[in-house]
Amino acid sequence: MARKSAFPAGALWLWSILRCLLVLRAEVGQQPESLYLWIDAHQARVLIGLEEDILIVSEGKMAPFTHDFRRAQQRMPAIPVNIHSMNFTWQAAGQ
């Protein structure tokens, strides 16, 4: 009896096509889409008492402090327990 693979043949074919398209896009030199995500200064003041924008994502890349969140927690003030929500501001540029 033939063994079934974890991925159907159609999914593997689609994955190979997507990889080829990504390579072609890189070779053509198109600029990738840019994503920016931050906590604005007003929201930061409400959350932690510092009135300064907190950049989370810039040009589609996570801010360095997000890579070691445990260390970032030690440097930043704690968010008060009575805060039930927070607002992020974002901007997407590109195609």
N, C-alpha and C. Protein backbone atom coordinates (compact mmCIF):
# COMPACT_ATOMS: atom_id res chain seq x y z
N MET A 1 0.84 -1.17 0.00
CA MET A 1 0.00 0.00 0.00
C MET A 1 0.89 1.24 0.00
N ALA A 2 0.56 2.19 -0.83
CA ALA A 2 1.36 3.42 -0.94
C ALA A 2 1.14 4.29 0.29
N ARG A 3 2.21 4.87 0.76
CA ARG A 3 2.16 5.74 1.93
C ARG A 3 1.79 7.16 1.50
N LYS A 4 0.87 7.79 2.20
CA LYS A 4 0.47 9.17 1.89
C LYS A 4 1.45 10.12 2.55
N SER A 5 1.82 11.16 1.82
CA SER A 5 2.72 12.16 2.40
C SER A 5 1.90 13.14 3.25
N ALA A 6 2.61 13.86 4.11
CA ALA A 6 1.95 14.84 4.98
C ALA A 6 1.38 16.01 4.17
N PHE A 7 2.03 16.35 3.06
CA PHE A 7 1.57 17.44 2.21
C PHE A 7 1.04 16.86 0.90
N PRO A 8 -0.15 17.25 0.48
CA PRO A 8 -0.63 16.82 -0.83
C PRO A 8 0.27 17.38 -1.92
N ALA A 9 0.30 16.69 -3.05
CA ALA A 9 1.16 17.10 -4.16
C ALA A 9 0.83 18.53 -4.61
N GLY A 10 -0.43 18.90 -4.58
CA GLY A 10 -0.82 20.25 -4.99
C GLY A 10 -0.24 21.33 -4.09
N ALA A 11 -0.18 21.05 -2.79
CA ALA A 11 0.38 22.02 -1.85
C ALA A 11 1.88 22.19 -2.08
N LEU A 12 2.58 21.08 -2.34
CA LEU A 12 4.01 21.17 -2.63
C LEU A 12 4.26 21.94 -3.92
N TRP A 13 3.43 21.72 -4.93
CA TRP A 13 3.57 22.43 -6.19
C TRP A 13 3.35 23.93 -5.98
N LEU A 14 2.29 24.27 -5.22
CA LEU A 14 2.01 25.68 -4.95
C LEU A 14 3.16 26.33 -4.18
N TRP A 15 3.72 25.64 -3.20
CA TRP A 15 4.84 26.16 -2.42
C TRP A 15 6.04 26.42 -3.33
N SER A 16 6.32 25.51 -4.27
CA SER A 16 7.48 25.71 -5.16
C SER A 16 7.25 26.91 -6.07
N ILE A 17 6.02 27.11 -6.53
CA ILE A 17 5.71 28.28 -7.37
C ILE A 17 5.88 29.57 -6.57
N LEU A 18 5.39 29.59 -5.34
CA LEU A 18 5.54 30.79 -4.50
C LEU A 18 7.00 31.12 -4.26
N ARG A 19 7.81 30.10 -4.00
CA ARG A 19 9.24 30.35 -3.78
C ARG A 19 9.88 30.94 -5.04
N CYS A 20 9.52 30.42 -6.21
CA CYS A 20 10.07 30.96 -7.46
C CYS A 20 9.66 32.42 -7.66
N LEU A 21 8.40 32.73 -7.35
CA LEU A 21 7.94 34.12 -7.50
C LEU A 21 8.67 35.06 -6.56
N LEU A 22 8.93 34.61 -5.33
CA LEU A 22 9.67 35.45 -4.39
C LEU A 22 11.09 35.70 -4.87
N VAL A 23 11.72 34.68 -5.43
CA VAL A 23 13.07 34.85 -5.96
C VAL A 23 13.06 35.82 -7.13
N LEU A 24 12.09 35.68 -8.03
CA LEU A 24 11.99 36.59 -9.18
C LEU A 24 11.75 38.02 -8.72
N ARG A 25 10.91 38.20 -7.73
CA ARG A 25 10.64 39.55 -7.21
C ARG A 25 11.92 40.17 -6.67
N ALA A 26 12.71 39.39 -5.95
CA ALA A 26 13.97 39.90 -5.40
C ALA A 26 14.94 40.27 -6.52
N GLU A 27 14.97 39.46 -7.58
CA GLU A 27 15.90 39.73 -8.68
C GLU A 27 15.50 40.97 -9.46
N VAL A 28 14.21 41.23 -9.58
CA VAL A 28 13.74 42.42 -10.29
C VAL A 28 14.10 43.68 -9.53
N GLY A 29 14.24 43.57 -8.23
CA GLY A 29 14.66 44.71 -7.43
C GLY A 29 13.52 45.54 -6.89
N GLN A 30 12.33 44.98 -6.84
CA GLN A 30 11.22 45.73 -6.27
C GLN A 30 11.46 45.95 -4.79
N GLN A 31 11.08 47.12 -4.34
CA GLN A 31 11.20 47.42 -2.92
C GLN A 31 10.12 46.65 -2.16
N PRO A 32 10.49 46.02 -1.07
CA PRO A 32 9.47 45.33 -0.28
C PRO A 32 8.53 46.33 0.37
N GLU A 33 7.37 45.86 0.70
CA GLU A 33 6.43 46.72 1.40
C GLU A 33 7.01 47.08 2.76
N SER A 34 6.74 48.28 3.21
CA SER A 34 7.24 48.72 4.50
C SER A 34 6.09 48.82 5.49
N LEU A 35 6.34 48.32 6.68
CA LEU A 35 5.36 48.38 7.74
C LEU A 35 5.98 49.07 8.93
N TYR A 36 5.24 49.98 9.52
CA TYR A 36 5.66 50.68 10.73
C TYR A 36 4.56 50.50 11.76
N LEU A 37 4.95 50.20 12.99
CA LEU A 37 4.00 50.02 14.08
C LEU A 37 4.61 50.64 15.32
N TRP A 38 3.86 51.52 15.99
CA TRP A 38 4.40 52.17 17.17
C TRP A 38 3.28 52.51 18.14
N ILE A 39 3.69 52.77 19.37
CA ILE A 39 2.78 53.30 20.38
C ILE A 39 3.07 54.80 20.42
N ASP A 40 2.05 55.62 20.14
CA ASP A 40 2.32 57.06 20.06
C ASP A 40 2.59 57.65 21.44
N ALA A 41 3.14 58.86 21.45
CA ALA A 41 3.60 59.50 22.68
C ALA A 41 2.47 59.67 23.70
N HIS A 42 1.28 60.04 23.24
CA HIS A 42 0.15 60.22 24.17
C HIS A 42 -0.21 58.89 24.84
N GLN A 43 -0.30 57.83 24.05
CA GLN A 43 -0.63 56.51 24.60
C GLN A 43 0.47 56.03 25.54
N ALA A 44 1.73 56.28 25.19
CA ALA A 44 2.85 55.88 26.05
C ALA A 44 2.78 56.60 27.40
N ARG A 45 2.40 57.87 27.37
CA ARG A 45 2.27 58.62 28.64
C ARG A 45 1.19 58.00 29.52
N VAL A 46 0.07 57.61 28.92
CA VAL A 46 -1.01 56.98 29.68
C VAL A 46 -0.55 55.63 30.24
N LEU A 47 0.19 54.87 29.45
CA LEU A 47 0.59 53.52 29.85
C LEU A 47 1.72 53.50 30.87
N ILE A 48 2.81 54.24 30.56
CA ILE A 48 4.01 54.10 31.39
C ILE A 48 4.56 55.43 31.92
N GLY A 49 3.89 56.53 31.60
CA GLY A 49 4.32 57.81 32.14
C GLY A 49 5.40 58.52 31.34
N LEU A 50 5.85 57.95 30.25
CA LEU A 50 6.86 58.59 29.39
C LEU A 50 6.18 59.05 28.11
N GLU A 51 6.30 60.34 27.80
CA GLU A 51 5.66 60.86 26.61
C GLU A 51 6.65 60.82 25.45
N GLU A 52 6.73 59.66 24.84
CA GLU A 52 7.66 59.43 23.74
C GLU A 52 7.13 58.27 22.90
N ASP A 53 7.21 58.40 21.56
CA ASP A 53 6.81 57.30 20.70
C ASP A 53 7.65 56.06 21.00
N ILE A 54 7.01 54.90 21.02
CA ILE A 54 7.73 53.64 21.22
C ILE A 54 7.61 52.85 19.93
N LEU A 55 8.68 52.77 19.18
CA LEU A 55 8.70 52.11 17.89
C LEU A 55 8.78 50.60 18.09
N ILE A 56 7.85 49.86 17.50
CA ILE A 56 7.81 48.41 17.61
C ILE A 56 8.33 47.76 16.33
N VAL A 57 7.85 48.24 15.17
CA VAL A 57 8.27 47.72 13.86
C VAL A 57 8.65 48.91 12.99
N SER A 58 9.79 48.83 12.33
CA SER A 58 10.25 49.88 11.42
C SER A 58 10.75 49.22 10.14
N GLU A 59 10.22 49.67 9.00
CA GLU A 59 10.56 49.11 7.70
C GLU A 59 10.40 47.59 7.68
N GLY A 60 9.34 47.12 8.34
CA GLY A 60 9.04 45.70 8.34
C GLY A 60 9.87 44.86 9.29
N LYS A 61 10.75 45.49 10.07
CA LYS A 61 11.62 44.74 10.98
C LYS A 61 11.28 45.10 12.42
N MET A 62 11.27 44.07 13.26
CA MET A 62 10.98 44.28 14.68
C MET A 62 12.10 45.10 15.32
N ALA A 63 11.72 45.98 16.24
CA ALA A 63 12.71 46.77 16.98
C ALA A 63 13.60 45.84 17.79
N PRO A 64 14.87 46.19 17.95
CA PRO A 64 15.81 45.31 18.67
C PRO A 64 15.34 44.91 20.07
N PHE A 65 14.67 45.81 20.79
CA PHE A 65 14.26 45.45 22.15
C PHE A 65 13.24 44.32 22.17
N THR A 66 12.54 44.08 21.07
CA THR A 66 11.55 43.00 21.04
C THR A 66 12.19 41.63 20.93
N HIS A 67 13.46 41.58 20.56
CA HIS A 67 14.15 40.29 20.41
C HIS A 67 14.47 39.68 21.77
N ASP A 68 14.68 40.50 22.77
CA ASP A 68 14.97 40.01 24.11
C ASP A 68 13.98 40.69 25.06
N PHE A 69 12.76 40.20 25.03
CA PHE A 69 11.69 40.87 25.76
C PHE A 69 11.92 40.85 27.26
N ARG A 70 12.55 39.81 27.77
CA ARG A 70 12.80 39.74 29.21
C ARG A 70 13.68 40.90 29.66
N ARG A 71 14.72 41.19 28.89
CA ARG A 71 15.61 42.31 29.23
C ARG A 71 14.89 43.65 29.06
N ALA A 72 14.05 43.74 28.03
CA ALA A 72 13.29 44.98 27.82
C ALA A 72 12.35 45.25 28.98
N GLN A 73 11.76 44.20 29.54
CA GLN A 73 10.87 44.38 30.69
C GLN A 73 11.61 44.96 31.88
N GLN A 74 12.87 44.61 32.03
CA GLN A 74 13.66 45.11 33.15
C GLN A 74 13.96 46.60 33.00
N ARG A 75 14.06 47.08 31.76
CA ARG A 75 14.42 48.48 31.52
C ARG A 75 13.21 49.41 31.47
N MET A 76 12.05 48.88 31.10
CA MET A 76 10.87 49.74 30.95
C MET A 76 9.98 49.63 32.17
N PRO A 77 9.27 50.71 32.49
CA PRO A 77 8.32 50.66 33.61
C PRO A 77 7.19 49.68 33.30
N ALA A 78 6.61 49.12 34.33
CA ALA A 78 5.49 48.19 34.18
C ALA A 78 4.23 48.94 33.79
N ILE A 79 3.40 48.32 32.98
CA ILE A 79 2.10 48.90 32.63
C ILE A 79 1.17 48.68 33.82
N PRO A 80 0.49 49.73 34.28
CA PRO A 80 -0.41 49.58 35.44
C PRO A 80 -1.48 48.52 35.20
N VAL A 81 -1.89 47.84 36.26
CA VAL A 81 -2.86 46.75 36.13
C VAL A 81 -4.25 47.23 35.74
N ASN A 82 -4.55 48.50 35.95
CA ASN A 82 -5.88 49.00 35.60
C ASN A 82 -6.01 49.34 34.11
N ILE A 83 -4.97 49.18 33.33
CA ILE A 83 -5.02 49.41 31.88
C ILE A 83 -5.53 48.14 31.22
N HIS A 84 -6.68 48.25 30.54
CA HIS A 84 -7.30 47.08 29.93
C HIS A 84 -7.09 47.03 28.42
N SER A 85 -6.62 48.10 27.84
CA SER A 85 -6.37 48.11 26.39
C SER A 85 -5.31 49.14 26.08
N MET A 86 -4.73 49.01 24.91
CA MET A 86 -3.76 49.99 24.45
C MET A 86 -3.90 50.12 22.94
N ASN A 87 -3.50 51.27 22.44
CA ASN A 87 -3.62 51.57 21.02
C ASN A 87 -2.26 51.56 20.36
N PHE A 88 -2.20 50.94 19.20
CA PHE A 88 -1.01 50.98 18.37
C PHE A 88 -1.34 51.82 17.15
N THR A 89 -0.37 52.55 16.65
CA THR A 89 -0.51 53.29 15.41
C THR A 89 0.31 52.55 14.37
N TRP A 90 -0.20 52.45 13.16
CA TRP A 90 0.54 51.74 12.13
C TRP A 90 0.45 52.47 10.80
N GLN A 91 1.42 52.17 9.97
CA GLN A 91 1.46 52.73 8.62
C GLN A 91 2.06 51.68 7.71
N ALA A 92 1.44 51.45 6.58
CA ALA A 92 1.96 50.51 5.60
C ALA A 92 2.22 51.27 4.32
N ALA A 93 3.38 51.08 3.75
CA ALA A 93 3.74 51.74 2.50
C ALA A 93 4.20 50.67 1.53
N GLY A 94 3.99 50.89 0.28
CA GLY A 94 4.42 49.93 -0.72
C GLY A 94 3.24 49.53 -1.59
N GLN A 95 3.35 48.38 -2.15
CA GLN A 95 2.33 47.93 -3.09
C GLN A 95 1.20 47.24 -2.39
